[in-house]
Amino acid sequence: MKNKFVRAELWSAALAIVLGLPVRAQQQEASDPHAGHHMPAASTSEDKPVSHGDMNPAGMYLMRMASGTSMNPQSWPMPMLMPKLGSWSMMIMGEDYLIDTQQSGPRGGDKFYSPNWFMASGVHKLGRGSLLLQSMFSLDPATVTHESYPLLFQTGETAYGKALVDAQHPHDLFMSLGVSYAHPLGDDTMLQLYYAPVGDPALGPVAFSHRASAAELPQAPLGHHWQDSTHIADNVATVALHHKWLRVEASGFFGTEPDENRWNIDWGPMNSYSGRVSIFPSKNWMAQVSAGRISKPERQTDGDMVRSTASLHYTRPMTAGTAWSTSLNMGAKSRYRFPAQSEFVPARKCVSGNESGFSHRPG
């Protein structure tokens, strides 16, 4: 199998230039690999936040959000631009790949395609708390033709009415549209409220396109549909409480996966729920366990699903804004169908894997 790709990080810089925004790139002093980019979970007496202009502790907390309400290890130097737009602190990032894949054998396929995504967020003070507006988009529906690209052993969702096998679907145009409010409940505790017409519930590790160890992968990991495939869900509401090194979250959301029309926003009732517990023993480490009951996740198959995940994440900052990140992720599914007399018929499967990545910030 041959897989050639070219990676570009031009979207965020281009947007900042077009808008004429004053850009504050995330550069760090050589003597302190964290300088200017500490994003503490909450203001504590042991670990006071580093100031980002006039941003309060709640704003610093919200700056750490990855996909939905998920978080990477605190020490990861997030590759983004940070322009100011009036009193808003913006965060802009994006990636675009040109890929030529040639997969031999009867199950393989050849394709030239361009997966991509772009994210823009803004933080603003609101009383003692702060507000975060999140948006994320992808032109995959236009740049990944025929509703999929070849990826051996991958499964999940459909194309032309048939379940995808050895292929990965493109992302929707609207990957995320959400709003968060964070408010301190003392020096060691932060309350967060999140709602998203399209967003990520508290289920699984950080979605792969935001995960420190996977953010620069040109294709979806094979464990994606077992671990973090709900990162594009609809009608999502989450409550999170972060106390010192412990974080607890609960979510409700519409559980059915997106349909084959990648240009629209799917909608449905808040019929699924999940919970996640995360720990942050140090700035370089974080771990999470989560579980959720998902109502009819697959459009072509009846029945509900219980998904359980666990993951361990490590980031080691290096010089010049670079970092090494490694993750160990596990996901398990239990599917429940409802035949006559509502008898449960479970079918359990489990998959795990690990990944490592090297990241850098724009200079």
Protein backbone atom coordinates (compact mmCIF):
# COMPACT_ATOMS: atom_id res chain seq x y z
CA MET A 1 0.00 0.00 0.00
CA LYS A 2 1.31 3.43 -0.96
CA ASN A 3 0.03 6.57 0.67
CA LYS A 4 1.51 9.94 -0.28
CA PHE A 5 0.25 13.17 1.18
CA VAL A 6 1.08 16.86 1.33
CA ARG A 7 0.02 18.84 4.40
CA ALA A 8 -0.75 22.55 4.55
CA GLU A 9 -1.46 24.84 7.49
CA LEU A 10 -2.43 27.88 5.45
CA TRP A 11 -6.11 28.34 6.29
CA SER A 12 -5.72 30.02 9.65
CA ALA A 13 -2.95 32.40 8.57
CA ALA A 14 -4.82 33.32 5.39
CA LEU A 15 -8.03 34.13 7.28
CA ALA A 16 -6.19 36.33 9.76
CA ILE A 17 -4.50 38.22 6.94
CA VAL A 18 -7.75 38.67 4.99
CA LEU A 19 -9.56 39.98 8.07
CA GLY A 20 -6.64 42.23 8.97
CA LEU A 21 -6.55 40.85 12.53
CA PRO A 22 -3.55 41.52 14.75
CA VAL A 23 -2.11 38.04 15.17
CA ARG A 24 -0.36 36.82 18.30
CA ALA A 25 1.27 33.55 17.25
CA GLN A 26 1.84 30.98 19.94
CA GLN A 27 5.60 31.32 20.32
CA GLN A 28 7.44 30.41 23.49
CA GLU A 29 10.66 31.52 25.05
CA ALA A 30 13.45 28.99 24.72
CA SER A 31 14.06 29.11 28.46
CA ASP A 32 10.45 28.12 29.22
CA PRO A 33 8.70 25.76 26.79
CA HIS A 34 5.33 26.64 28.36
CA ALA A 35 5.69 30.42 28.47
CA GLY A 36 2.67 32.27 27.13
CA HIS A 37 0.58 29.16 26.67
CA HIS A 38 -0.32 27.74 30.09
CA MET A 39 -4.02 27.02 30.11
CA PRO A 40 -4.85 25.82 33.62
CA ALA A 41 -8.03 23.91 34.30
CA ALA A 42 -8.98 26.42 36.97
CA SER A 43 -7.33 29.07 39.07
CA THR A 44 -5.90 27.42 42.15
CA SER A 45 -3.67 28.57 44.93
CA GLU A 46 -1.00 26.08 43.78
CA ASP A 47 -1.10 26.90 40.07
CA LYS A 48 -2.02 30.47 39.18
CA PRO A 49 -2.84 31.03 35.47
CA VAL A 50 -0.51 32.93 33.22
CA SER A 51 -2.21 36.07 31.89
CA HIS A 52 -3.42 36.32 28.30
CA GLY A 53 -4.11 40.05 28.20
CA ASP A 54 -7.34 40.81 30.04
CA MET A 55 -8.55 37.19 30.10
CA ASN A 56 -9.90 35.94 33.44
CA PRO A 57 -9.42 32.40 34.87
CA ALA A 58 -12.67 31.20 33.28
CA GLY A 59 -11.46 32.40 29.90
CA MET A 60 -8.13 30.65 30.36
CA TYR A 61 -10.03 27.49 31.23
CA LEU A 62 -12.17 27.71 28.07
CA MET A 63 -9.05 28.22 25.94
CA ARG A 64 -8.15 24.61 26.74
CA MET A 65 -11.26 23.19 25.05
CA ALA A 66 -10.52 20.82 22.18
CA SER A 67 -13.55 19.10 20.62
CA GLY A 68 -16.73 20.02 22.50
CA THR A 69 -15.77 20.00 26.18
CA SER A 70 -12.84 17.56 25.87
CA MET A 71 -9.27 18.48 26.86
CA ASN A 72 -5.74 17.46 25.91
CA PRO A 73 -2.88 17.44 28.44
CA GLN A 74 -2.32 20.99 29.64
CA SER A 75 1.27 21.15 28.37
CA TRP A 76 0.38 20.55 24.71
CA PRO A 77 1.39 23.68 22.69
CA MET A 78 -1.82 23.95 20.70
CA PRO A 79 -0.98 24.88 17.05
CA MET A 80 -3.12 27.95 16.52
CA LEU A 81 -3.13 31.67 15.87
CA MET A 82 -4.58 34.02 18.48
CA PRO A 83 -5.68 37.32 16.95
CA LYS A 84 -7.72 39.92 18.85
CA LEU A 85 -11.09 41.00 17.47
CA GLY A 86 -12.16 43.94 19.61
CA SER A 87 -12.62 42.56 23.12
CA TRP A 88 -12.74 38.95 21.85
CA SER A 89 -9.72 36.64 22.08
CA MET A 90 -9.82 34.50 18.96
CA MET A 91 -8.37 31.04 18.28
CA ILE A 92 -7.89 30.04 14.64
CA MET A 93 -6.46 26.82 13.25
CA GLY A 94 -6.89 24.53 10.27
CA GLU A 95 -5.35 21.77 8.18
CA ASP A 96 -5.58 20.68 4.55
CA TYR A 97 -4.07 17.55 3.00
CA LEU A 98 -3.54 16.41 -0.58
CA ILE A 99 -3.45 12.61 -0.55
CA ASP A 100 -2.75 10.05 -3.25
CA THR A 101 -3.43 6.59 -1.85
CA GLN A 102 -2.79 3.32 -3.68
CA GLN A 103 -3.98 0.23 -1.82
CA SER A 104 -3.30 -3.11 -3.48
CA GLY A 105 -5.30 -6.32 -3.12
CA PRO A 106 -8.98 -7.10 -3.71
CA ARG A 107 -10.10 -4.93 -0.78
CA GLY A 108 -7.93 -1.93 -1.57
CA GLY A 109 -8.52 1.06 -3.79
CA ASP A 110 -6.81 4.08 -5.34
CA LYS A 111 -7.88 7.69 -4.86
CA PHE A 112 -6.67 11.27 -4.96
CA TYR A 113 -8.51 13.42 -2.43
CA SER A 114 -8.14 16.28 0.04
CA PRO A 115 -9.40 15.96 3.65
CA ASN A 116 -9.48 19.25 5.51
CA TRP A 117 -10.95 21.20 8.42
CA PHE A 118 -10.95 24.71 9.79
CA MET A 119 -11.83 25.95 13.28
CA ALA A 120 -12.44 29.44 14.64
CA SER A 121 -13.38 30.18 18.25
CA GLY A 122 -13.68 33.26 20.40
CA VAL A 123 -13.55 33.89 24.15
CA HIS A 124 -15.10 36.91 25.89
CA LYS A 125 -15.42 37.84 29.54
CA LEU A 126 -18.93 37.76 31.00
CA GLY A 127 -18.98 38.89 34.61
CA ARG A 128 -16.73 36.62 36.70
CA GLY A 129 -17.09 33.97 34.01
CA SER A 130 -16.35 33.79 30.30
CA LEU A 131 -18.17 32.82 27.11
CA LEU A 132 -16.73 30.64 24.34
CA LEU A 133 -18.16 30.46 20.82
CA GLN A 134 -16.91 27.45 18.82
CA SER A 135 -17.16 26.70 15.11
CA MET A 136 -15.58 24.06 12.92
CA PHE A 137 -16.11 23.41 9.22
CA SER A 138 -14.87 21.05 6.52
CA LEU A 139 -15.00 21.09 2.73
CA ASP A 140 -14.70 17.29 2.66
CA PRO A 141 -18.10 16.99 0.92
CA ALA A 142 -16.51 18.72 -2.10
CA THR A 143 -12.91 17.44 -1.88
CA VAL A 144 -13.65 13.76 -1.04
CA THR A 145 -15.62 12.52 -4.03
CA HIS A 146 -18.03 9.55 -4.20
CA GLU A 147 -18.83 9.86 -0.47
CA SER A 148 -15.74 8.00 0.83
CA TYR A 149 -12.03 7.34 0.50
CA PRO A 150 -10.32 3.91 0.70
CA LEU A 151 -9.02 2.94 4.14
CA LEU A 152 -8.39 -0.76 4.76
CA PHE A 153 -10.15 -2.25 7.81
CA GLN A 154 -12.15 0.91 8.49
CA THR A 155 -15.93 0.63 9.01
CA GLY A 156 -18.70 3.04 9.97
CA GLU A 157 -21.59 5.02 8.43
CA THR A 158 -22.84 4.58 4.86
CA ALA A 159 -22.35 5.62 1.23
CA TYR A 160 -25.09 5.22 -1.38
CA GLY A 161 -27.23 3.38 1.16
CA LYS A 162 -24.66 0.68 1.93
CA ALA A 163 -22.51 0.29 5.05
CA LEU A 164 -18.92 1.38 4.47
CA VAL A 165 -16.25 -1.34 4.76
CA ASP A 166 -12.57 -0.63 4.04
CA ALA A 167 -13.49 3.01 3.56
CA GLN A 168 -13.93 6.23 5.52
CA HIS A 169 -16.72 8.76 4.98
CA PRO A 170 -16.01 12.50 4.58
CA HIS A 171 -16.83 14.89 7.40
CA ASP A 172 -19.86 17.14 7.32
CA LEU A 173 -19.57 20.79 6.32
CA PHE A 174 -20.71 21.76 9.82
CA MET A 175 -18.47 19.84 12.22
CA SER A 176 -19.17 22.02 15.25
CA LEU A 177 -21.30 25.01 16.21
CA GLY A 178 -21.40 25.49 19.98
CA VAL A 179 -21.34 27.85 22.92
CA SER A 180 -19.83 27.34 26.40
CA TYR A 181 -20.01 29.36 29.58
CA ALA A 182 -17.54 28.81 32.41
CA HIS A 183 -17.88 30.27 35.91
CA PRO A 184 -15.54 29.80 38.89
CA LEU A 185 -17.04 28.33 42.06
CA GLY A 186 -14.07 29.21 44.24
CA ASP A 187 -10.32 29.04 43.72
CA ASP A 188 -10.26 25.32 42.88
CA THR A 189 -13.52 24.67 41.04
CA MET A 190 -14.92 25.62 37.63
CA LEU A 191 -18.47 25.05 36.37
CA GLN A 192 -19.01 24.77 32.61
CA LEU A 193 -22.26 24.75 30.62
CA TYR A 194 -22.17 23.77 26.93
CA TYR A 195 -24.77 23.62 24.17
CA ALA A 196 -24.23 22.84 20.50
CA PRO A 197 -26.65 22.35 17.61
CA VAL A 198 -23.69 20.39 16.20
CA GLY A 199 -21.02 19.35 18.65
CA ASP A 200 -19.29 16.70 20.74
CA PRO A 201 -20.85 15.12 23.84
CA ALA A 202 -18.85 13.89 26.83
CA LEU A 203 -18.08 10.49 25.34
CA GLY A 204 -14.66 9.18 24.36
CA PRO A 205 -11.21 10.76 24.15
CA VAL A 206 -10.59 14.06 22.40
CA ALA A 207 -11.76 13.63 18.79
CA PHE A 208 -8.85 12.60 16.57
CA SER A 209 -8.71 15.85 14.57
CA HIS A 210 -8.12 17.73 17.86
CA ARG A 211 -6.19 15.07 19.79
CA ALA A 212 -2.58 15.99 20.45
CA SER A 213 -1.28 12.59 19.30
CA ALA A 214 -3.49 12.39 16.18
CA ALA A 215 -4.04 16.00 15.08
CA GLU A 216 -1.59 15.65 12.17
CA LEU A 217 -2.84 12.30 10.88
CA PRO A 218 -4.11 12.70 7.31
CA GLN A 219 -6.75 9.96 7.72
CA ALA A 220 -9.11 8.86 10.47
CA PRO A 221 -7.62 6.27 12.89
CA LEU A 222 -9.10 2.78 12.58
CA GLY A 223 -10.50 3.05 16.11
CA HIS A 224 -12.42 6.22 15.28
CA HIS A 225 -15.89 4.63 15.12
CA TRP A 226 -15.29 2.79 18.38
CA GLN A 227 -13.91 5.67 20.42
CA ASP A 228 -14.79 9.20 19.27
CA SER A 229 -17.22 9.02 16.33
CA THR A 230 -19.84 11.05 18.23
CA HIS A 231 -17.68 14.17 17.76
CA ILE A 232 -20.24 15.30 15.15
CA ALA A 233 -23.53 14.87 17.05
CA ASP A 234 -26.62 17.07 17.09
CA ASN A 235 -28.56 18.82 19.83
CA VAL A 236 -25.80 18.38 22.43
CA ALA A 237 -25.95 19.71 26.00
CA THR A 238 -23.21 19.15 28.59
CA VAL A 239 -22.60 20.12 32.20
CA ALA A 240 -19.02 19.84 33.47
CA LEU A 241 -17.48 20.39 36.90
CA HIS A 242 -13.71 20.67 37.26
CA HIS A 243 -12.17 20.54 40.74
CA LYS A 244 -8.38 20.66 41.00
CA TRP A 245 -7.22 17.54 39.06
CA LEU A 246 -10.67 15.94 38.66
CA ARG A 247 -13.30 16.66 36.00
CA VAL A 248 -16.80 15.17 35.75
CA GLU A 249 -19.17 15.68 32.78
CA ALA A 250 -22.68 14.61 31.76
CA SER A 251 -24.27 15.03 28.32
CA GLY A 252 -27.53 14.58 26.46
CA PHE A 253 -27.61 14.47 22.64
CA PHE A 254 -29.27 13.11 19.49
CA GLY A 255 -27.63 9.72 18.97
CA THR A 256 -28.14 8.93 15.29
CA GLU A 257 -25.06 9.46 13.13
CA PRO A 258 -25.10 12.02 10.28
CA ASP A 259 -26.82 11.04 7.06
CA GLU A 260 -25.20 10.99 3.62
CA ASN A 261 -26.06 14.62 2.91
CA ARG A 262 -22.85 16.17 4.22
CA TRP A 263 -23.88 19.76 3.50
CA ASN A 264 -26.70 20.12 6.04
CA ILE A 265 -27.28 19.98 9.79
CA ASP A 266 -29.11 16.84 10.93
CA TRP A 267 -31.48 17.26 13.82
CA GLY A 268 -33.30 15.10 16.31
CA PRO A 269 -34.47 14.83 19.91
CA MET A 270 -32.05 14.60 22.83
CA ASN A 271 -32.51 10.81 23.10
CA SER A 272 -29.03 9.67 24.18
CA TYR A 273 -26.85 10.36 27.18
CA SER A 274 -23.25 9.93 28.33
CA GLY A 275 -20.86 10.67 31.16
CA ARG A 276 -17.10 11.14 31.39
CA VAL A 277 -14.61 11.32 34.25
CA SER A 278 -11.15 12.78 33.57
CA ILE A 279 -8.09 13.20 35.74
CA PHE A 280 -5.11 15.53 35.26
CA PRO A 281 -2.32 14.30 37.58
CA SER A 282 0.22 16.67 35.99
CA LYS A 283 0.54 19.09 33.10
CA ASN A 284 1.87 16.33 30.82
CA TRP A 285 -0.67 13.62 31.63
CA MET A 286 -4.42 13.14 31.46
CA ALA A 287 -6.74 10.12 31.43
CA GLN A 288 -10.46 9.63 30.91
CA VAL A 289 -13.12 6.95 31.17
CA SER A 290 -16.55 7.45 29.64
CA ALA A 291 -19.71 5.61 28.71
CA GLY A 292 -22.90 6.45 26.89
CA ARG A 293 -26.22 5.00 25.82
CA ILE A 294 -26.69 5.90 22.14
CA SER A 295 -30.16 5.64 20.63
CA LYS A 296 -30.17 4.10 17.12
CA PRO A 297 -26.65 5.23 16.20
CA GLU A 298 -26.76 3.72 12.71
CA ARG A 299 -29.51 4.81 10.35
CA GLN A 300 -29.63 1.49 8.47
CA THR A 301 -29.73 -0.69 11.62
CA ASP A 302 -32.30 -0.80 14.43
CA GLY A 303 -31.29 -0.99 18.06
CA ASP A 304 -29.42 1.07 20.63
CA MET A 305 -25.77 0.91 21.63
CA VAL A 306 -23.77 1.27 24.82
CA ARG A 307 -20.27 2.57 24.14
CA SER A 308 -17.52 2.55 26.77
CA THR A 309 -14.10 4.13 26.32
CA ALA A 310 -10.90 4.64 28.29
CA SER A 311 -7.77 6.51 27.25
CA LEU A 312 -4.43 7.70 28.57
CA HIS A 313 -2.67 10.72 27.04
CA TYR A 314 0.88 12.02 27.44
CA THR A 315 2.51 15.14 25.98
CA ARG A 316 6.15 16.12 26.34
CA PRO A 317 6.91 19.72 25.31
CA MET A 318 10.17 20.17 23.43
CA THR A 319 12.02 23.17 22.00
CA ALA A 320 10.68 25.90 19.70
CA GLY A 321 7.04 25.17 20.42
CA THR A 322 7.17 21.51 19.41
CA ALA A 323 5.88 18.55 21.41
CA TRP A 324 5.76 14.76 21.41
CA SER A 325 2.34 13.25 22.22
CA THR A 326 1.24 9.66 22.74
CA SER A 327 -2.20 8.19 23.42
CA LEU A 328 -3.51 4.77 24.38
CA ASN A 329 -7.20 4.51 23.48
CA MET A 330 -9.76 1.77 24.02
CA GLY A 331 -13.38 1.52 22.93
CA ALA A 332 -16.04 -1.15 23.46
CA LYS A 333 -19.55 -1.48 22.05
CA SER A 334 -22.59 -3.38 23.30
CA ARG A 335 -25.48 -3.36 20.87
CA TYR A 336 -29.04 -3.94 22.05
CA ARG A 337 -31.93 -4.84 19.77
CA PHE A 338 -35.54 -4.94 20.86
CA PRO A 339 -37.45 -7.94 19.46
CA ALA A 340 -40.81 -9.14 20.78
CA GLN A 341 -41.41 -8.60 24.51
CA SER A 342 -38.48 -6.14 24.58
CA GLU A 343 -35.94 -8.86 25.33
CA PHE A 344 -32.35 -7.58 25.29
CA VAL A 345 -30.06 -9.26 22.74
CA PRO A 346 -26.54 -7.95 23.44
CA ALA A 347 -23.57 -8.24 21.10
CA ARG A 348 -20.27 -6.98 22.50
CA LYS A 349 -17.11 -5.96 20.66
CA CYS A 350 -13.98 -4.15 21.73
CA VAL A 351 -11.07 -2.46 19.96
CA SER A 352 -8.00 -0.67 21.27
CA GLY A 353 -4.96 1.04 19.83
CA ASN A 354 -2.27 3.57 20.42
CA GLU A 355 -0.88 6.49 18.44
CA SER A 356 1.93 8.97 18.67
CA GLY A 357 2.45 12.30 17.00
CA PHE A 358 4.84 15.22 16.71
CA SER A 359 3.26 18.67 16.65
CA HIS A 360 4.46 22.22 16.20
CA ARG A 361 2.93 25.67 16.44
CA PRO A 362 2.96 28.24 13.66
CA GLY A 363 5.84 30.64 14.06
